[in-house]
Protein backbone atom coordinates (compact mmCIF):
# COMPACT_ATOMS: atom_id res chain seq x y z
CA MET A 1 -69.27 3.67 13.62
CA THR A 2 -66.71 5.77 11.81
CA ARG A 3 -67.77 7.27 8.53
CA ILE A 4 -65.23 7.74 5.82
CA HIS A 5 -66.17 10.74 3.65
CA GLY A 6 -65.61 10.18 0.02
CA ARG A 7 -62.43 9.30 -1.74
CA ALA A 8 -60.15 11.39 0.54
CA GLY A 9 -60.85 9.17 3.47
CA LEU A 10 -60.19 5.91 1.49
CA LEU A 11 -57.09 7.33 -0.04
CA GLY A 12 -55.84 8.47 3.34
CA CYS A 13 -56.23 4.96 4.73
CA ILE A 14 -54.42 3.50 1.81
CA THR A 15 -51.65 6.09 1.89
CA THR A 16 -51.20 5.43 5.67
CA ARG A 17 -50.80 1.67 5.10
CA ARG A 18 -48.40 2.32 2.22
CA ARG A 19 -46.21 4.53 4.43
CA GLN A 20 -46.22 1.95 7.10
CA GLY A 21 -45.09 -0.71 4.67
CA GLU A 22 -42.33 1.57 3.27
CA ALA A 23 -41.15 2.24 6.85
CA LEU A 24 -41.07 -1.50 7.61
CA ARG A 25 -39.05 -2.12 4.34
CA ARG A 26 -36.61 0.63 5.25
CA ARG A 27 -36.11 -0.93 8.75
CA ARG A 28 -35.44 -4.28 7.06
CA LEU A 29 -32.84 -2.66 4.77
CA ASP A 30 -31.18 -0.87 7.73
CA HIS A 31 -31.15 -4.02 9.75
CA GLY A 32 -27.37 -4.80 10.65
CA SER A 33 -26.06 -1.29 9.65
CA ALA A 34 -25.29 -0.58 13.30
CA THR A 35 -23.24 -3.69 13.41
CA VAL A 36 -21.23 -2.66 10.37
CA PHE A 37 -20.61 0.84 11.81
CA THR A 38 -19.56 -0.61 15.14
CA ALA A 39 -17.15 -3.03 13.50
CA SER A 40 -15.69 -0.26 11.41
CA ILE A 41 -15.07 1.93 14.59
CA ALA A 42 -13.54 -1.00 16.34
CA MET A 43 -11.06 -1.65 13.36
CA VAL A 44 -10.13 2.03 13.46
CA LEU A 45 -9.38 1.75 17.23
CA VAL A 46 -7.32 -1.33 16.63
CA VAL A 47 -5.26 0.24 14.00
CA VAL A 48 -4.63 3.38 16.19
CA ALA A 49 -3.75 1.20 19.22
CA THR A 50 -1.26 -0.80 17.12
CA ALA A 51 0.40 2.33 15.78
CA ALA A 52 0.68 3.68 19.31
CA VAL A 53 2.22 0.56 20.64
CA THR A 54 4.67 0.58 17.65
CA VAL A 55 5.79 4.07 18.45
CA VAL A 56 6.17 3.45 22.13
CA ALA A 57 8.21 0.25 21.51
CA VAL A 58 10.60 2.10 19.21
CA MET A 59 10.89 5.08 21.69
CA LEU A 60 11.62 2.66 24.54
CA ALA A 61 14.23 0.75 22.58
CA GLY A 62 15.83 4.10 21.74
CA HIS A 63 16.06 4.99 25.40
CA ARG A 64 17.55 1.54 26.17
CA ALA A 65 20.07 1.88 23.41
CA ARG A 66 21.22 5.36 24.61
CA SER A 67 21.52 4.04 28.18
CA ALA A 68 23.42 0.98 27.10
CA ALA A 69 25.74 3.00 24.86
CA ASP A 70 26.46 5.45 27.70
CA LEU A 71 27.21 2.71 30.21
CA ALA A 72 29.34 0.78 27.71
CA ALA A 73 31.32 3.85 26.83
CA LEU A 74 32.02 4.45 30.53
CA ALA A 75 33.04 0.89 31.06
CA ALA A 76 35.29 1.21 28.03
CA ALA A 77 36.87 4.39 29.37
CA THR A 78 37.39 2.78 32.79
CA ALA A 79 39.06 -0.24 31.26
CA GLU A 80 41.28 2.02 29.12
CA VAL A 81 42.54 3.83 32.20
CA SER A 82 43.07 0.58 33.95
CA GLY A 83 45.12 -0.74 31.03
CA LEU A 84 42.54 -3.29 29.94
CA ASP A 85 40.92 -3.74 26.50
CA PRO A 86 38.20 -1.07 26.28
CA CYS A 87 36.13 -2.72 23.56
CA ASN A 88 35.93 -6.01 25.43
CA ALA A 89 34.74 -4.14 28.47
CA ALA A 90 32.14 -2.36 26.45
CA ARG A 91 30.86 -5.55 24.91
CA ALA A 92 30.60 -7.24 28.31
CA ASN A 93 28.77 -4.25 29.73
CA ALA A 94 26.35 -3.97 26.72
CA ARG A 95 25.56 -7.70 27.07
CA GLU A 96 24.55 -7.19 30.65
CA ASN A 97 22.18 -4.40 29.38
CA ARG A 98 20.64 -6.62 26.63
CA ALA A 99 22.39 -4.75 23.95
CA ARG A 100 25.25 -5.43 21.55
CA ILE A 101 28.15 -3.29 20.41
CA SER A 102 28.14 -2.57 16.66
CA ALA A 103 31.16 -0.33 16.72
CA CYS A 104 33.96 0.55 19.37
CA ARG A 105 36.85 2.90 18.58
CA VAL A 106 39.50 4.33 20.85
CA SER A 107 41.25 7.49 19.68
CA GLY A 108 44.11 9.47 21.27
CA GLN A 109 46.92 8.50 23.58
CA ALA A 110 46.75 6.80 26.91
CA SER A 111 46.89 10.07 28.64
CA SER A 112 44.34 11.78 26.54
CA PHE A 113 41.76 9.42 24.78
CA VAL A 114 38.07 9.10 23.68
CA VAL A 115 36.16 5.90 23.36
CA ALA A 116 33.24 5.91 20.93
CA VAL A 117 30.72 3.10 21.29
CA THR A 118 27.62 2.28 19.22
CA ALA A 119 25.08 0.13 20.97
CA VAL A 120 22.25 -1.60 19.31
CA VAL A 121 18.98 -2.79 20.98
CA ASN A 122 16.36 -5.02 19.64
CA THR A 123 12.77 -3.37 19.49
CA GLY A 124 10.83 -6.63 19.70
CA LEU A 125 9.01 -5.74 16.48
CA GLY A 126 8.77 -7.76 13.34
CA ARG A 127 9.43 -6.77 9.74
CA PRO A 128 8.83 -4.30 8.03
CA LEU A 129 9.03 -2.31 11.24
CA PRO A 130 12.30 -1.15 12.83
CA ILE A 131 13.85 -4.24 14.43
CA GLU A 132 16.86 -2.54 16.02
CA VAL A 133 17.70 0.90 17.31
CA GLY A 134 21.17 2.19 17.81
CA ALA A 135 22.82 4.97 19.74
CA LEU A 136 26.29 6.47 19.97
CA ALA A 137 28.14 7.49 23.14
CA ARG A 138 31.58 8.82 23.82
CA ALA A 139 33.58 8.75 27.06
CA GLY A 140 37.21 9.48 28.00
CA ASN A 141 39.54 11.93 29.64
CA ALA A 142 40.36 14.09 26.60
CA HIS A 143 39.81 17.74 27.09
CA ASP A 144 40.84 19.22 23.75
CA ALA A 145 41.21 16.16 21.64
CA HIS A 146 38.69 15.80 18.78
CA ASP A 147 37.36 12.41 17.62
CA GLY A 148 38.01 12.42 13.90
């Protein structure tokens, strides 16, 4: 049989039970906090991933627009040398590259010319994000002519 000596033994037992009760209450109050923390981390990761996908989509559309503009300008220059309409050739080439021509201009003479083409490509994103990305390209046989 264990003997409790005086008041200190009884108070020690009561204090221990009180501490155990407080610890149990604290655990009940903390119940679910890991779920809230995990959900918060998951939301941050979703936002970061969405931002990364948006940046990549705009960058890829920019590359596609530059390529489409370059190819359309070359097609337009080839058509100009052949005596065909350069802007129609640029539009047809851009359509094949899933782009559209927003501006086409020929400057200079038949012997010395520059074709400037602006191609626009859809990013696949919705508003308020950038929906289209454009690029400008020039092609021609002019050596010293400046496009004004």
